PDBML (XML) file of the C-alpha atoms, coordinates in Angstrom:
<?xml version="1.0" encoding="UTF-8" ?>
<PDBx:datablock datablockName="MODEL"
   xmlns:PDBx="http://pdbml.pdb.org/schema/pdbx-v50.xsd"
   xmlns:xsi="http://www.w3.org/2001/XMLSchema-instance"
   xsi:schemaLocation="http://pdbml.pdb.org/schema/pdbx-v50.xsd pdbx-v50.xsd">
   <PDBx:atom_siteCategory>
      <PDBx:atom_site id="1">
         <PDBx:B_iso_or_equiv>0.00</PDBx:B_iso_or_equiv>
         <PDBx:Cartn_x>-0.167</PDBx:Cartn_x>
         <PDBx:Cartn_y>0.084</PDBx:Cartn_y>
         <PDBx:Cartn_z>0.047</PDBx:Cartn_z>
         <PDBx:auth_asym_id>A</PDBx:auth_asym_id>
         <PDBx:auth_atom_id>CA</PDBx:auth_atom_id>
         <PDBx:auth_comp_id>GLN</PDBx:auth_comp_id>
         <PDBx:auth_seq_id>1</PDBx:auth_seq_id>
         <PDBx:group_PDB>ATOM</PDBx:group_PDB>
         <PDBx:label_alt_id xsi:nil="true" />
         <PDBx:label_asym_id>A</PDBx:label_asym_id>
         <PDBx:label_atom_id>CA</PDBx:label_atom_id>
         <PDBx:label_comp_id>GLN</PDBx:label_comp_id>
         <PDBx:label_entity_id>1</PDBx:label_entity_id>
         <PDBx:label_seq_id>1</PDBx:label_seq_id>
         <PDBx:occupancy>1.00</PDBx:occupancy>
         <PDBx:pdbx_PDB_model_num>1</PDBx:pdbx_PDB_model_num>
         <PDBx:type_symbol>C</PDBx:type_symbol>
      </PDBx:atom_site>
      <PDBx:atom_site id="2">
         <PDBx:B_iso_or_equiv>0.00</PDBx:B_iso_or_equiv>
         <PDBx:Cartn_x>1.237</PDBx:Cartn_x>
         <PDBx:Cartn_y>3.257</PDBx:Cartn_y>
         <PDBx:Cartn_z>-1.221</PDBx:Cartn_z>
         <PDBx:auth_asym_id>A</PDBx:auth_asym_id>
         <PDBx:auth_atom_id>CA</PDBx:auth_atom_id>
         <PDBx:auth_comp_id>HIS</PDBx:auth_comp_id>
         <PDBx:auth_seq_id>2</PDBx:auth_seq_id>
         <PDBx:group_PDB>ATOM</PDBx:group_PDB>
         <PDBx:label_alt_id xsi:nil="true" />
         <PDBx:label_asym_id>A</PDBx:label_asym_id>
         <PDBx:label_atom_id>CA</PDBx:label_atom_id>
         <PDBx:label_comp_id>HIS</PDBx:label_comp_id>
         <PDBx:label_entity_id>1</PDBx:label_entity_id>
         <PDBx:label_seq_id>2</PDBx:label_seq_id>
         <PDBx:occupancy>1.00</PDBx:occupancy>
         <PDBx:pdbx_PDB_model_num>1</PDBx:pdbx_PDB_model_num>
         <PDBx:type_symbol>C</PDBx:type_symbol>
      </PDBx:atom_site>
      <PDBx:atom_site id="3">
         <PDBx:B_iso_or_equiv>0.00</PDBx:B_iso_or_equiv>
         <PDBx:Cartn_x>-0.154</PDBx:Cartn_x>
         <PDBx:Cartn_y>6.209</PDBx:Cartn_y>
         <PDBx:Cartn_z>0.918</PDBx:Cartn_z>
         <PDBx:auth_asym_id>A</PDBx:auth_asym_id>
         <PDBx:auth_atom_id>CA</PDBx:auth_atom_id>
         <PDBx:auth_comp_id>LEU</PDBx:auth_comp_id>
         <PDBx:auth_seq_id>3</PDBx:auth_seq_id>
         <PDBx:group_PDB>ATOM</PDBx:group_PDB>
         <PDBx:label_alt_id xsi:nil="true" />
         <PDBx:label_asym_id>A</PDBx:label_asym_id>
         <PDBx:label_atom_id>CA</PDBx:label_atom_id>
         <PDBx:label_comp_id>LEU</PDBx:label_comp_id>
         <PDBx:label_entity_id>1</PDBx:label_entity_id>
         <PDBx:label_seq_id>3</PDBx:label_seq_id>
         <PDBx:occupancy>1.00</PDBx:occupancy>
         <PDBx:pdbx_PDB_model_num>1</PDBx:pdbx_PDB_model_num>
         <PDBx:type_symbol>C</PDBx:type_symbol>
      </PDBx:atom_site>
      <PDBx:atom_site id="4">
         <PDBx:B_iso_or_equiv>0.00</PDBx:B_iso_or_equiv>
         <PDBx:Cartn_x>0.348</PDBx:Cartn_x>
         <PDBx:Cartn_y>10.091</PDBx:Cartn_y>
         <PDBx:Cartn_z>0.044</PDBx:Cartn_z>
         <PDBx:auth_asym_id>A</PDBx:auth_asym_id>
         <PDBx:auth_atom_id>CA</PDBx:auth_atom_id>
         <PDBx:auth_comp_id>ARG</PDBx:auth_comp_id>
         <PDBx:auth_seq_id>4</PDBx:auth_seq_id>
         <PDBx:group_PDB>ATOM</PDBx:group_PDB>
         <PDBx:label_alt_id xsi:nil="true" />
         <PDBx:label_asym_id>A</PDBx:label_asym_id>
         <PDBx:label_atom_id>CA</PDBx:label_atom_id>
         <PDBx:label_comp_id>ARG</PDBx:label_comp_id>
         <PDBx:label_entity_id>1</PDBx:label_entity_id>
         <PDBx:label_seq_id>4</PDBx:label_seq_id>
         <PDBx:occupancy>1.00</PDBx:occupancy>
         <PDBx:pdbx_PDB_model_num>1</PDBx:pdbx_PDB_model_num>
         <PDBx:type_symbol>C</PDBx:type_symbol>
      </PDBx:atom_site>
      <PDBx:atom_site id="5">
         <PDBx:B_iso_or_equiv>0.00</PDBx:B_iso_or_equiv>
         <PDBx:Cartn_x>-1.136</PDBx:Cartn_x>
         <PDBx:Cartn_y>12.655</PDBx:Cartn_y>
         <PDBx:Cartn_z>1.995</PDBx:Cartn_z>
         <PDBx:auth_asym_id>A</PDBx:auth_asym_id>
         <PDBx:auth_atom_id>CA</PDBx:auth_atom_id>
         <PDBx:auth_comp_id>LEU</PDBx:auth_comp_id>
         <PDBx:auth_seq_id>5</PDBx:auth_seq_id>
         <PDBx:group_PDB>ATOM</PDBx:group_PDB>
         <PDBx:label_alt_id xsi:nil="true" />
         <PDBx:label_asym_id>A</PDBx:label_asym_id>
         <PDBx:label_atom_id>CA</PDBx:label_atom_id>
         <PDBx:label_comp_id>LEU</PDBx:label_comp_id>
         <PDBx:label_entity_id>1</PDBx:label_entity_id>
         <PDBx:label_seq_id>5</PDBx:label_seq_id>
         <PDBx:occupancy>1.00</PDBx:occupancy>
         <PDBx:pdbx_PDB_model_num>1</PDBx:pdbx_PDB_model_num>
         <PDBx:type_symbol>C</PDBx:type_symbol>
      </PDBx:atom_site>
      <PDBx:atom_site id="6">
         <PDBx:B_iso_or_equiv>0.00</PDBx:B_iso_or_equiv>
         <PDBx:Cartn_x>-0.941</PDBx:Cartn_x>
         <PDBx:Cartn_y>16.194</PDBx:Cartn_y>
         <PDBx:Cartn_z>1.765</PDBx:Cartn_z>
         <PDBx:auth_asym_id>A</PDBx:auth_asym_id>
         <PDBx:auth_atom_id>CA</PDBx:auth_atom_id>
         <PDBx:auth_comp_id>GLY</PDBx:auth_comp_id>
         <PDBx:auth_seq_id>6</PDBx:auth_seq_id>
         <PDBx:group_PDB>ATOM</PDBx:group_PDB>
         <PDBx:label_alt_id xsi:nil="true" />
         <PDBx:label_asym_id>A</PDBx:label_asym_id>
         <PDBx:label_atom_id>CA</PDBx:label_atom_id>
         <PDBx:label_comp_id>GLY</PDBx:label_comp_id>
         <PDBx:label_entity_id>1</PDBx:label_entity_id>
         <PDBx:label_seq_id>6</PDBx:label_seq_id>
         <PDBx:occupancy>1.00</PDBx:occupancy>
         <PDBx:pdbx_PDB_model_num>1</PDBx:pdbx_PDB_model_num>
         <PDBx:type_symbol>C</PDBx:type_symbol>
      </PDBx:atom_site>
      <PDBx:atom_site id="7">
         <PDBx:B_iso_or_equiv>0.00</PDBx:B_iso_or_equiv>
         <PDBx:Cartn_x>-2.182</PDBx:Cartn_x>
         <PDBx:Cartn_y>19.074</PDBx:Cartn_y>
         <PDBx:Cartn_z>4.220</PDBx:Cartn_z>
         <PDBx:auth_asym_id>A</PDBx:auth_asym_id>
         <PDBx:auth_atom_id>CA</PDBx:auth_atom_id>
         <PDBx:auth_comp_id>ALA</PDBx:auth_comp_id>
         <PDBx:auth_seq_id>7</PDBx:auth_seq_id>
         <PDBx:group_PDB>ATOM</PDBx:group_PDB>
         <PDBx:label_alt_id xsi:nil="true" />
         <PDBx:label_asym_id>A</PDBx:label_asym_id>
         <PDBx:label_atom_id>CA</PDBx:label_atom_id>
         <PDBx:label_comp_id>ALA</PDBx:label_comp_id>
         <PDBx:label_entity_id>1</PDBx:label_entity_id>
         <PDBx:label_seq_id>7</PDBx:label_seq_id>
         <PDBx:occupancy>1.00</PDBx:occupancy>
         <PDBx:pdbx_PDB_model_num>1</PDBx:pdbx_PDB_model_num>
         <PDBx:type_symbol>C</PDBx:type_symbol>
      </PDBx:atom_site>
      <PDBx:atom_site id="8">
         <PDBx:B_iso_or_equiv>0.00</PDBx:B_iso_or_equiv>
         <PDBx:Cartn_x>-1.768</PDBx:Cartn_x>
         <PDBx:Cartn_y>22.582</PDBx:Cartn_y>
         <PDBx:Cartn_z>5.133</PDBx:Cartn_z>
         <PDBx:auth_asym_id>A</PDBx:auth_asym_id>
         <PDBx:auth_atom_id>CA</PDBx:auth_atom_id>
         <PDBx:auth_comp_id>ASP</PDBx:auth_comp_id>
         <PDBx:auth_seq_id>8</PDBx:auth_seq_id>
         <PDBx:group_PDB>ATOM</PDBx:group_PDB>
         <PDBx:label_alt_id xsi:nil="true" />
         <PDBx:label_asym_id>A</PDBx:label_asym_id>
         <PDBx:label_atom_id>CA</PDBx:label_atom_id>
         <PDBx:label_comp_id>ASP</PDBx:label_comp_id>
         <PDBx:label_entity_id>1</PDBx:label_entity_id>
         <PDBx:label_seq_id>8</PDBx:label_seq_id>
         <PDBx:occupancy>1.00</PDBx:occupancy>
         <PDBx:pdbx_PDB_model_num>1</PDBx:pdbx_PDB_model_num>
         <PDBx:type_symbol>C</PDBx:type_symbol>
      </PDBx:atom_site>
      <PDBx:atom_site id="9">
         <PDBx:B_iso_or_equiv>0.00</PDBx:B_iso_or_equiv>
         <PDBx:Cartn_x>-0.208</PDBx:Cartn_x>
         <PDBx:Cartn_y>23.706</PDBx:Cartn_y>
         <PDBx:Cartn_z>8.348</PDBx:Cartn_z>
         <PDBx:auth_asym_id>A</PDBx:auth_asym_id>
         <PDBx:auth_atom_id>CA</PDBx:auth_atom_id>
         <PDBx:auth_comp_id>PRO</PDBx:auth_comp_id>
         <PDBx:auth_seq_id>9</PDBx:auth_seq_id>
         <PDBx:group_PDB>ATOM</PDBx:group_PDB>
         <PDBx:label_alt_id xsi:nil="true" />
         <PDBx:label_asym_id>A</PDBx:label_asym_id>
         <PDBx:label_atom_id>CA</PDBx:label_atom_id>
         <PDBx:label_comp_id>PRO</PDBx:label_comp_id>
         <PDBx:label_entity_id>1</PDBx:label_entity_id>
         <PDBx:label_seq_id>9</PDBx:label_seq_id>
         <PDBx:occupancy>1.00</PDBx:occupancy>
         <PDBx:pdbx_PDB_model_num>1</PDBx:pdbx_PDB_model_num>
         <PDBx:type_symbol>C</PDBx:type_symbol>
      </PDBx:atom_site>
      <PDBx:atom_site id="10">
         <PDBx:B_iso_or_equiv>0.00</PDBx:B_iso_or_equiv>
         <PDBx:Cartn_x>-3.228</PDBx:Cartn_x>
         <PDBx:Cartn_y>23.584</PDBx:Cartn_y>
         <PDBx:Cartn_z>10.207</PDBx:Cartn_z>
         <PDBx:auth_asym_id>A</PDBx:auth_asym_id>
         <PDBx:auth_atom_id>CA</PDBx:auth_atom_id>
         <PDBx:auth_comp_id>THR</PDBx:auth_comp_id>
         <PDBx:auth_seq_id>10</PDBx:auth_seq_id>
         <PDBx:group_PDB>ATOM</PDBx:group_PDB>
         <PDBx:label_alt_id xsi:nil="true" />
         <PDBx:label_asym_id>A</PDBx:label_asym_id>
         <PDBx:label_atom_id>CA</PDBx:label_atom_id>
         <PDBx:label_comp_id>THR</PDBx:label_comp_id>
         <PDBx:label_entity_id>1</PDBx:label_entity_id>
         <PDBx:label_seq_id>10</PDBx:label_seq_id>
         <PDBx:occupancy>1.00</PDBx:occupancy>
         <PDBx:pdbx_PDB_model_num>1</PDBx:pdbx_PDB_model_num>
         <PDBx:type_symbol>C</PDBx:type_symbol>
      </PDBx:atom_site>
      <PDBx:atom_site id="11">
         <PDBx:B_iso_or_equiv>0.00</PDBx:B_iso_or_equiv>
         <PDBx:Cartn_x>-3.691</PDBx:Cartn_x>
         <PDBx:Cartn_y>19.928</PDBx:Cartn_y>
         <PDBx:Cartn_z>9.477</PDBx:Cartn_z>
         <PDBx:auth_asym_id>A</PDBx:auth_asym_id>
         <PDBx:auth_atom_id>CA</PDBx:auth_atom_id>
         <PDBx:auth_comp_id>GLY</PDBx:auth_comp_id>
         <PDBx:auth_seq_id>11</PDBx:auth_seq_id>
         <PDBx:group_PDB>ATOM</PDBx:group_PDB>
         <PDBx:label_alt_id xsi:nil="true" />
         <PDBx:label_asym_id>A</PDBx:label_asym_id>
         <PDBx:label_atom_id>CA</PDBx:label_atom_id>
         <PDBx:label_comp_id>GLY</PDBx:label_comp_id>
         <PDBx:label_entity_id>1</PDBx:label_entity_id>
         <PDBx:label_seq_id>11</PDBx:label_seq_id>
         <PDBx:occupancy>1.00</PDBx:occupancy>
         <PDBx:pdbx_PDB_model_num>1</PDBx:pdbx_PDB_model_num>
         <PDBx:type_symbol>C</PDBx:type_symbol>
      </PDBx:atom_site>
      <PDBx:atom_site id="12">
         <PDBx:B_iso_or_equiv>0.00</PDBx:B_iso_or_equiv>
         <PDBx:Cartn_x>-6.290</PDBx:Cartn_x>
         <PDBx:Cartn_y>19.967</PDBx:Cartn_y>
         <PDBx:Cartn_z>6.999</PDBx:Cartn_z>
         <PDBx:auth_asym_id>A</PDBx:auth_asym_id>
         <PDBx:auth_atom_id>CA</PDBx:auth_atom_id>
         <PDBx:auth_comp_id>HIS</PDBx:auth_comp_id>
         <PDBx:auth_seq_id>12</PDBx:auth_seq_id>
         <PDBx:group_PDB>ATOM</PDBx:group_PDB>
         <PDBx:label_alt_id xsi:nil="true" />
         <PDBx:label_asym_id>A</PDBx:label_asym_id>
         <PDBx:label_atom_id>CA</PDBx:label_atom_id>
         <PDBx:label_comp_id>HIS</PDBx:label_comp_id>
         <PDBx:label_entity_id>1</PDBx:label_entity_id>
         <PDBx:label_seq_id>12</PDBx:label_seq_id>
         <PDBx:occupancy>1.00</PDBx:occupancy>
         <PDBx:pdbx_PDB_model_num>1</PDBx:pdbx_PDB_model_num>
         <PDBx:type_symbol>C</PDBx:type_symbol>
      </PDBx:atom_site>
      <PDBx:atom_site id="13">
         <PDBx:B_iso_or_equiv>0.00</PDBx:B_iso_or_equiv>
         <PDBx:Cartn_x>-6.115</PDBx:Cartn_x>
         <PDBx:Cartn_y>17.457</PDBx:Cartn_y>
         <PDBx:Cartn_z>4.464</PDBx:Cartn_z>
         <PDBx:auth_asym_id>A</PDBx:auth_asym_id>
         <PDBx:auth_atom_id>CA</PDBx:auth_atom_id>
         <PDBx:auth_comp_id>LEU</PDBx:auth_comp_id>
         <PDBx:auth_seq_id>13</PDBx:auth_seq_id>
         <PDBx:group_PDB>ATOM</PDBx:group_PDB>
         <PDBx:label_alt_id xsi:nil="true" />
         <PDBx:label_asym_id>A</PDBx:label_asym_id>
         <PDBx:label_atom_id>CA</PDBx:label_atom_id>
         <PDBx:label_comp_id>LEU</PDBx:label_comp_id>
         <PDBx:label_entity_id>1</PDBx:label_entity_id>
         <PDBx:label_seq_id>13</PDBx:label_seq_id>
         <PDBx:occupancy>1.00</PDBx:occupancy>
         <PDBx:pdbx_PDB_model_num>1</PDBx:pdbx_PDB_model_num>
         <PDBx:type_symbol>C</PDBx:type_symbol>
      </PDBx:atom_site>
      <PDBx:atom_site id="14">
         <PDBx:B_iso_or_equiv>0.00</PDBx:B_iso_or_equiv>
         <PDBx:Cartn_x>-6.082</PDBx:Cartn_x>
         <PDBx:Cartn_y>18.660</PDBx:Cartn_y>
         <PDBx:Cartn_z>0.541</PDBx:Cartn_z>
         <PDBx:auth_asym_id>A</PDBx:auth_asym_id>
         <PDBx:auth_atom_id>CA</PDBx:auth_atom_id>
         <PDBx:auth_comp_id>SER</PDBx:auth_comp_id>
         <PDBx:auth_seq_id>14</PDBx:auth_seq_id>
         <PDBx:group_PDB>ATOM</PDBx:group_PDB>
         <PDBx:label_alt_id xsi:nil="true" />
         <PDBx:label_asym_id>A</PDBx:label_asym_id>
         <PDBx:label_atom_id>CA</PDBx:label_atom_id>
         <PDBx:label_comp_id>SER</PDBx:label_comp_id>
         <PDBx:label_entity_id>1</PDBx:label_entity_id>
         <PDBx:label_seq_id>14</PDBx:label_seq_id>
         <PDBx:occupancy>1.00</PDBx:occupancy>
         <PDBx:pdbx_PDB_model_num>1</PDBx:pdbx_PDB_model_num>
         <PDBx:type_symbol>C</PDBx:type_symbol>
      </PDBx:atom_site>
      <PDBx:atom_site id="15">
         <PDBx:B_iso_or_equiv>0.00</PDBx:B_iso_or_equiv>
         <PDBx:Cartn_x>-4.753</PDBx:Cartn_x>
         <PDBx:Cartn_y>15.435</PDBx:Cartn_y>
         <PDBx:Cartn_z>-0.979</PDBx:Cartn_z>
         <PDBx:auth_asym_id>A</PDBx:auth_asym_id>
         <PDBx:auth_atom_id>CA</PDBx:auth_atom_id>
         <PDBx:auth_comp_id>ALA</PDBx:auth_comp_id>
         <PDBx:auth_seq_id>15</PDBx:auth_seq_id>
         <PDBx:group_PDB>ATOM</PDBx:group_PDB>
         <PDBx:label_alt_id xsi:nil="true" />
         <PDBx:label_asym_id>A</PDBx:label_asym_id>
         <PDBx:label_atom_id>CA</PDBx:label_atom_id>
         <PDBx:label_comp_id>ALA</PDBx:label_comp_id>
         <PDBx:label_entity_id>1</PDBx:label_entity_id>
         <PDBx:label_seq_id>15</PDBx:label_seq_id>
         <PDBx:occupancy>1.00</PDBx:occupancy>
         <PDBx:pdbx_PDB_model_num>1</PDBx:pdbx_PDB_model_num>
         <PDBx:type_symbol>C</PDBx:type_symbol>
      </PDBx:atom_site>
      <PDBx:atom_site id="16">
         <PDBx:B_iso_or_equiv>0.00</PDBx:B_iso_or_equiv>
         <PDBx:Cartn_x>-5.870</PDBx:Cartn_x>
         <PDBx:Cartn_y>11.866</PDBx:Cartn_y>
         <PDBx:Cartn_z>-0.219</PDBx:Cartn_z>
         <PDBx:auth_asym_id>A</PDBx:auth_asym_id>
         <PDBx:auth_atom_id>CA</PDBx:auth_atom_id>
         <PDBx:auth_comp_id>VAL</PDBx:auth_comp_id>
         <PDBx:auth_seq_id>16</PDBx:auth_seq_id>
         <PDBx:group_PDB>ATOM</PDBx:group_PDB>
         <PDBx:label_alt_id xsi:nil="true" />
         <PDBx:label_asym_id>A</PDBx:label_asym_id>
         <PDBx:label_atom_id>CA</PDBx:label_atom_id>
         <PDBx:label_comp_id>VAL</PDBx:label_comp_id>
         <PDBx:label_entity_id>1</PDBx:label_entity_id>
         <PDBx:label_seq_id>16</PDBx:label_seq_id>
         <PDBx:occupancy>1.00</PDBx:occupancy>
         <PDBx:pdbx_PDB_model_num>1</PDBx:pdbx_PDB_model_num>
         <PDBx:type_symbol>C</PDBx:type_symbol>
      </PDBx:atom_site>
      <PDBx:atom_site id="17">
         <PDBx:B_iso_or_equiv>0.00</PDBx:B_iso_or_equiv>
         <PDBx:Cartn_x>-3.931</PDBx:Cartn_x>
         <PDBx:Cartn_y>9.204</PDBx:Cartn_y>
         <PDBx:Cartn_z>-2.236</PDBx:Cartn_z>
         <PDBx:auth_asym_id>A</PDBx:auth_asym_id>
         <PDBx:auth_atom_id>CA</PDBx:auth_atom_id>
         <PDBx:auth_comp_id>GLY</PDBx:auth_comp_id>
         <PDBx:auth_seq_id>17</PDBx:auth_seq_id>
         <PDBx:group_PDB>ATOM</PDBx:group_PDB>
         <PDBx:label_alt_id xsi:nil="true" />
         <PDBx:label_asym_id>A</PDBx:label_asym_id>
         <PDBx:label_atom_id>CA</PDBx:label_atom_id>
         <PDBx:label_comp_id>GLY</PDBx:label_comp_id>
         <PDBx:label_entity_id>1</PDBx:label_entity_id>
         <PDBx:label_seq_id>17</PDBx:label_seq_id>
         <PDBx:occupancy>1.00</PDBx:occupancy>
         <PDBx:pdbx_PDB_model_num>1</PDBx:pdbx_PDB_model_num>
         <PDBx:type_symbol>C</PDBx:type_symbol>
      </PDBx:atom_site>
      <PDBx:atom_site id="18">
         <PDBx:B_iso_or_equiv>0.00</PDBx:B_iso_or_equiv>
         <PDBx:Cartn_x>-4.025</PDBx:Cartn_x>
         <PDBx:Cartn_y>5.533</PDBx:Cartn_y>
         <PDBx:Cartn_z>-1.430</PDBx:Cartn_z>
         <PDBx:auth_asym_id>A</PDBx:auth_asym_id>
         <PDBx:auth_atom_id>CA</PDBx:auth_atom_id>
         <PDBx:auth_comp_id>HIS</PDBx:auth_comp_id>
         <PDBx:auth_seq_id>18</PDBx:auth_seq_id>
         <PDBx:group_PDB>ATOM</PDBx:group_PDB>
         <PDBx:label_alt_id xsi:nil="true" />
         <PDBx:label_asym_id>A</PDBx:label_asym_id>
         <PDBx:label_atom_id>CA</PDBx:label_atom_id>
         <PDBx:label_comp_id>HIS</PDBx:label_comp_id>
         <PDBx:label_entity_id>1</PDBx:label_entity_id>
         <PDBx:label_seq_id>18</PDBx:label_seq_id>
         <PDBx:occupancy>1.00</PDBx:occupancy>
         <PDBx:pdbx_PDB_model_num>1</PDBx:pdbx_PDB_model_num>
         <PDBx:type_symbol>C</PDBx:type_symbol>
      </PDBx:atom_site>
      <PDBx:atom_site id="19">
         <PDBx:B_iso_or_equiv>0.00</PDBx:B_iso_or_equiv>
         <PDBx:Cartn_x>-2.889</PDBx:Cartn_x>
         <PDBx:Cartn_y>2.950</PDBx:Cartn_y>
         <PDBx:Cartn_z>-4.078</PDBx:Cartn_z>
         <PDBx:auth_asym_id>A</PDBx:auth_asym_id>
         <PDBx:auth_atom_id>CA</PDBx:auth_atom_id>
         <PDBx:auth_comp_id>ASP</PDBx:auth_comp_id>
         <PDBx:auth_seq_id>19</PDBx:auth_seq_id>
         <PDBx:group_PDB>ATOM</PDBx:group_PDB>
         <PDBx:label_alt_id xsi:nil="true" />
         <PDBx:label_asym_id>A</PDBx:label_asym_id>
         <PDBx:label_atom_id>CA</PDBx:label_atom_id>
         <PDBx:label_comp_id>ASP</PDBx:label_comp_id>
         <PDBx:label_entity_id>1</PDBx:label_entity_id>
         <PDBx:label_seq_id>19</PDBx:label_seq_id>
         <PDBx:occupancy>1.00</PDBx:occupancy>
         <PDBx:pdbx_PDB_model_num>1</PDBx:pdbx_PDB_model_num>
         <PDBx:type_symbol>C</PDBx:type_symbol>
      </PDBx:atom_site>
      <PDBx:atom_site id="20">
         <PDBx:B_iso_or_equiv>0.00</PDBx:B_iso_or_equiv>
         <PDBx:Cartn_x>-3.007</PDBx:Cartn_x>
         <PDBx:Cartn_y>-0.789</PDBx:Cartn_y>
         <PDBx:Cartn_z>-3.158</PDBx:Cartn_z>
         <PDBx:auth_asym_id>A</PDBx:auth_asym_id>
         <PDBx:auth_atom_id>CA</PDBx:auth_atom_id>
         <PDBx:auth_comp_id>THR</PDBx:auth_comp_id>
         <PDBx:auth_seq_id>20</PDBx:auth_seq_id>
         <PDBx:group_PDB>ATOM</PDBx:group_PDB>
         <PDBx:label_alt_id xsi:nil="true" />
         <PDBx:label_asym_id>A</PDBx:label_asym_id>
         <PDBx:label_atom_id>CA</PDBx:label_atom_id>
         <PDBx:label_comp_id>THR</PDBx:label_comp_id>
         <PDBx:label_entity_id>1</PDBx:label_entity_id>
         <PDBx:label_seq_id>20</PDBx:label_seq_id>
         <PDBx:occupancy>1.00</PDBx:occupancy>
         <PDBx:pdbx_PDB_model_num>1</PDBx:pdbx_PDB_model_num>
         <PDBx:type_symbol>C</PDBx:type_symbol>
      </PDBx:atom_site>
      <PDBx:atom_site id="21">
         <PDBx:B_iso_or_equiv>0.00</PDBx:B_iso_or_equiv>
         <PDBx:Cartn_x>-1.526</PDBx:Cartn_x>
         <PDBx:Cartn_y>-4.016</PDBx:Cartn_y>
         <PDBx:Cartn_z>-4.940</PDBx:Cartn_z>
         <PDBx:auth_asym_id>A</PDBx:auth_asym_id>
         <PDBx:auth_atom_id>CA</PDBx:auth_atom_id>
         <PDBx:auth_comp_id>TRP</PDBx:auth_comp_id>
         <PDBx:auth_seq_id>21</PDBx:auth_seq_id>
         <PDBx:group_PDB>ATOM</PDBx:group_PDB>
         <PDBx:label_alt_id xsi:nil="true" />
         <PDBx:label_asym_id>A</PDBx:label_asym_id>
         <PDBx:label_atom_id>CA</PDBx:label_atom_id>
         <PDBx:label_comp_id>TRP</PDBx:label_comp_id>
         <PDBx:label_entity_id>1</PDBx:label_entity_id>
         <PDBx:label_seq_id>21</PDBx:label_seq_id>
         <PDBx:occupancy>1.00</PDBx:occupancy>
         <PDBx:pdbx_PDB_model_num>1</PDBx:pdbx_PDB_model_num>
         <PDBx:type_symbol>C</PDBx:type_symbol>
      </PDBx:atom_site>
      <PDBx:atom_site id="22">
         <PDBx:B_iso_or_equiv>0.00</PDBx:B_iso_or_equiv>
         <PDBx:Cartn_x>-2.806</PDBx:Cartn_x>
         <PDBx:Cartn_y>-7.140</PDBx:Cartn_y>
         <PDBx:Cartn_z>-3.986</PDBx:Cartn_z>
         <PDBx:auth_asym_id>A</PDBx:auth_asym_id>
         <PDBx:auth_atom_id>CA</PDBx:auth_atom_id>
         <PDBx:auth_comp_id>THR</PDBx:auth_comp_id>
         <PDBx:auth_seq_id>22</PDBx:auth_seq_id>
         <PDBx:group_PDB>ATOM</PDBx:group_PDB>
         <PDBx:label_alt_id xsi:nil="true" />
         <PDBx:label_asym_id>A</PDBx:label_asym_id>
         <PDBx:label_atom_id>CA</PDBx:label_atom_id>
         <PDBx:label_comp_id>THR</PDBx:label_comp_id>
         <PDBx:label_entity_id>1</PDBx:label_entity_id>
         <PDBx:label_seq_id>22</PDBx:label_seq_id>
         <PDBx:occupancy>1.00</PDBx:occupancy>
         <PDBx:pdbx_PDB_model_num>1</PDBx:pdbx_PDB_model_num>
         <PDBx:type_symbol>C</PDBx:type_symbol>
      </PDBx:atom_site>
      <PDBx:atom_site id="23">
         <PDBx:B_iso_or_equiv>0.00</PDBx:B_iso_or_equiv>
         <PDBx:Cartn_x>-2.764</PDBx:Cartn_x>
         <PDBx:Cartn_y>-10.946</PDBx:Cartn_y>
         <PDBx:Cartn_z>-5.738</PDBx:Cartn_z>
         <PDBx:auth_asym_id>A</PDBx:auth_asym_id>
         <PDBx:auth_atom_id>CA</PDBx:auth_atom_id>
         <PDBx:auth_comp_id>GLY</PDBx:auth_comp_id>
         <PDBx:auth_seq_id>23</PDBx:auth_seq_id>
         <PDBx:group_PDB>ATOM</PDBx:group_PDB>
         <PDBx:label_alt_id xsi:nil="true" />
         <PDBx:label_asym_id>A</PDBx:label_asym_id>
         <PDBx:label_atom_id>CA</PDBx:label_atom_id>
         <PDBx:label_comp_id>GLY</PDBx:label_comp_id>
         <PDBx:label_entity_id>1</PDBx:label_entity_id>
         <PDBx:label_seq_id>23</PDBx:label_seq_id>
         <PDBx:occupancy>1.00</PDBx:occupancy>
         <PDBx:pdbx_PDB_model_num>1</PDBx:pdbx_PDB_model_num>
         <PDBx:type_symbol>C</PDBx:type_symbol>
      </PDBx:atom_site>
      <PDBx:atom_site id="24">
         <PDBx:B_iso_or_equiv>0.00</PDBx:B_iso_or_equiv>
         <PDBx:Cartn_x>-4.917</PDBx:Cartn_x>
         <PDBx:Cartn_y>-13.862</PDBx:Cartn_y>
         <PDBx:Cartn_z>-6.062</PDBx:Cartn_z>
         <PDBx:auth_asym_id>A</PDBx:auth_asym_id>
         <PDBx:auth_atom_id>CA</PDBx:auth_atom_id>
         <PDBx:auth_comp_id>ASN</PDBx:auth_comp_id>
         <PDBx:auth_seq_id>24</PDBx:auth_seq_id>
         <PDBx:group_PDB>ATOM</PDBx:group_PDB>
         <PDBx:label_alt_id xsi:nil="true" />
         <PDBx:label_asym_id>A</PDBx:label_asym_id>
         <PDBx:label_atom_id>CA</PDBx:label_atom_id>
         <PDBx:label_comp_id>ASN</PDBx:label_comp_id>
         <PDBx:label_entity_id>1</PDBx:label_entity_id>
         <PDBx:label_seq_id>24</PDBx:label_seq_id>
         <PDBx:occupancy>1.00</PDBx:occupancy>
         <PDBx:pdbx_PDB_model_num>1</PDBx:pdbx_PDB_model_num>
         <PDBx:type_symbol>C</PDBx:type_symbol>
      </PDBx:atom_site>
      <PDBx:atom_site id="25">
         <PDBx:B_iso_or_equiv>0.00</PDBx:B_iso_or_equiv>
         <PDBx:Cartn_x>-5.620</PDBx:Cartn_x>
         <PDBx:Cartn_y>-16.773</PDBx:Cartn_y>
         <PDBx:Cartn_z>-8.335</PDBx:Cartn_z>
         <PDBx:auth_asym_id>A</PDBx:auth_asym_id>
         <PDBx:auth_atom_id>CA</PDBx:auth_atom_id>
         <PDBx:auth_comp_id>LEU</PDBx:auth_comp_id>
         <PDBx:auth_seq_id>25</PDBx:auth_seq_id>
         <PDBx:group_PDB>ATOM</PDBx:group_PDB>
         <PDBx:label_alt_id xsi:nil="true" />
         <PDBx:label_asym_id>A</PDBx:label_asym_id>
         <PDBx:label_atom_id>CA</PDBx:label_atom_id>
         <PDBx:label_comp_id>LEU</PDBx:label_comp_id>
         <PDBx:label_entity_id>1</PDBx:label_entity_id>
         <PDBx:label_seq_id>25</PDBx:label_seq_id>
         <PDBx:occupancy>1.00</PDBx:occupancy>
         <PDBx:pdbx_PDB_model_num>1</PDBx:pdbx_PDB_model_num>
         <PDBx:type_symbol>C</PDBx:type_symbol>
      </PDBx:atom_site>
   </PDBx:atom_siteCategory>
</PDBx:datablock>
């Protein structure tokens, strides 16, 4: 899982990125 979060100095999120790789039959 690749997490990228971006926020302003007060902590309010402006960018939320979440990529997941998983495998199966």
